[in-house]
Every structure is written in structure tokens, then in C-alpha cells.
Amino acid sequence: MLGIDQRALARLSGLSLPTIQRMEASDGVVRGNVDSLMKLVGALHEAGIELIAEGAASGQGGREVRLVAAATAPRGTWLRRA
């Protein structure tokens, strides 16, 4: 959705590339310690990605994840964070 690779996501979230790779390789439930998961979720939220909880209503359509129309930061600025 964001058009970024694992390295950019690692920089964005403040996590290591191997941590991102392990999370992405998880089958079903993403595995990781709470701090790492919170960093990842926070970075995705800041970049404009909304995570939709299982069974939660989504008034704007879609399931699981969606790109939020108005991201917290102006488009492109979140990639400069490191």
C-alpha cells in the first residue's frame, strides 16, 4: 500500500531488518515482542495505514488494512524519518 520495501519499513519503525523479516514471515498471527509490535503499528499509523481489528466494523469499507485518506504526516515526509 505504501510502496516501500522491508528496509524502509525497518527505518520507519526503528526496528532491525531481520525483525521486520521475521514478522513478515509469520504465518497468520504476526509474532514479535510487544515493544516491537507497538513500534511497527505506530509507524504504519503515522504513515497513514489503518489496521482494522478482526470482527471490527469498517465504515469506509475494506478488511484488515487500508490506506487512510488523510495521513498524520504530509505524504512523503514519513520516509525521511530515521
Protein backbone atom coordinates (compact mmCIF):
# COMPACT_ATOMS: atom_id res chain seq x y z
CA MET A 1 0.00 0.00 0.00
CA LEU A 2 2.84 2.38 0.75
CA GLY A 3 5.14 1.13 -1.96
CA ILE A 4 8.09 0.66 0.41
CA ASP A 5 10.40 -2.28 0.99
CA GLN A 6 11.42 -4.03 4.21
CA ARG A 7 14.46 -1.76 4.70
CA ALA A 8 12.29 1.38 4.52
CA LEU A 9 9.79 -0.15 6.94
CA ALA A 10 12.62 -1.03 9.33
CA ARG A 11 13.89 2.58 9.21
CA LEU A 12 10.38 3.96 9.58
CA SER A 13 9.64 1.83 12.64
CA GLY A 14 13.07 1.93 14.26
CA LEU A 15 13.33 -1.86 14.07
CA SER A 16 16.04 -4.01 12.53
CA LEU A 17 15.65 -5.52 9.08
CA PRO A 18 15.78 -9.10 10.50
CA THR A 19 12.95 -8.21 12.91
CA ILE A 20 10.79 -6.96 10.04
CA GLN A 21 11.65 -10.08 8.03
CA ARG A 22 10.68 -12.38 10.94
CA MET A 23 7.40 -10.53 11.42
CA GLU A 24 6.59 -10.72 7.73
CA ALA A 25 7.41 -14.45 7.65
CA SER A 26 4.90 -15.14 10.45
CA ASP A 27 2.12 -17.45 9.39
CA GLY A 28 -1.21 -15.94 10.45
CA VAL A 29 -0.58 -14.02 13.68
CA VAL A 30 2.42 -11.67 13.50
CA ARG A 31 4.94 -12.66 16.13
CA GLY A 32 7.18 -10.25 17.99
CA ASN A 33 7.66 -8.68 21.42
CA VAL A 34 5.15 -6.07 22.47
CA ASP A 35 7.58 -3.15 22.10
CA SER A 36 8.46 -4.15 18.52
CA LEU A 37 4.83 -4.67 17.58
CA MET A 38 3.88 -1.27 19.01
CA LYS A 39 6.70 0.43 17.09
CA LEU A 40 5.55 -1.21 13.88
CA VAL A 41 1.88 -0.37 14.41
CA GLY A 42 2.79 3.22 15.34
CA ALA A 43 4.94 3.66 12.25
CA LEU A 44 2.23 2.26 9.99
CA HIS A 45 -0.37 4.53 11.61
CA GLU A 46 1.87 7.57 11.18
CA ALA A 47 2.33 6.65 7.52
CA GLY A 48 -1.45 6.55 7.04
CA ILE A 49 -2.18 2.82 7.34
CA GLU A 50 -5.18 1.84 9.42
CA LEU A 51 -5.20 -1.66 10.92
CA ILE A 52 -8.73 -3.00 11.33
CA ALA A 53 -9.24 -5.49 14.14
CA GLU A 54 -10.80 -8.84 13.36
CA GLY A 55 -14.58 -8.53 13.56
CA ALA A 56 -14.45 -4.73 13.80
CA ALA A 57 -16.83 -2.63 11.71
CA SER A 58 -15.22 -0.70 8.89
CA GLY A 59 -17.49 2.17 7.87
CA GLN A 60 -15.36 3.04 4.87
CA GLY A 61 -15.15 -0.49 3.51
CA GLY A 62 -12.29 -2.96 3.33
CA ARG A 63 -10.94 -5.52 5.74
CA GLU A 64 -7.76 -5.88 7.76
CA VAL A 65 -5.80 -2.81 6.49
CA ARG A 66 -6.48 0.28 4.44
CA LEU A 67 -4.73 3.47 3.47
CA VAL A 68 -6.28 6.35 5.40
CA ALA A 69 -7.28 9.31 3.21
CA ALA A 70 -5.64 11.91 5.46
CA ALA A 71 -2.41 10.54 6.91
CA THR A 72 -0.99 12.17 10.04
CA ALA A 73 2.07 13.49 8.19
CA PRO A 74 2.09 15.09 4.76
CA ARG A 75 2.66 12.46 2.07
CA GLY A 76 6.32 11.57 1.69
CA THR A 77 7.60 13.19 4.89
CA TRP A 78 7.40 9.97 6.93
CA LEU A 79 10.01 8.34 4.68
CA ARG A 80 12.59 10.88 5.82
CA ARG A 81 12.23 9.77 9.44
CA ALA A 82 15.20 7.71 10.59
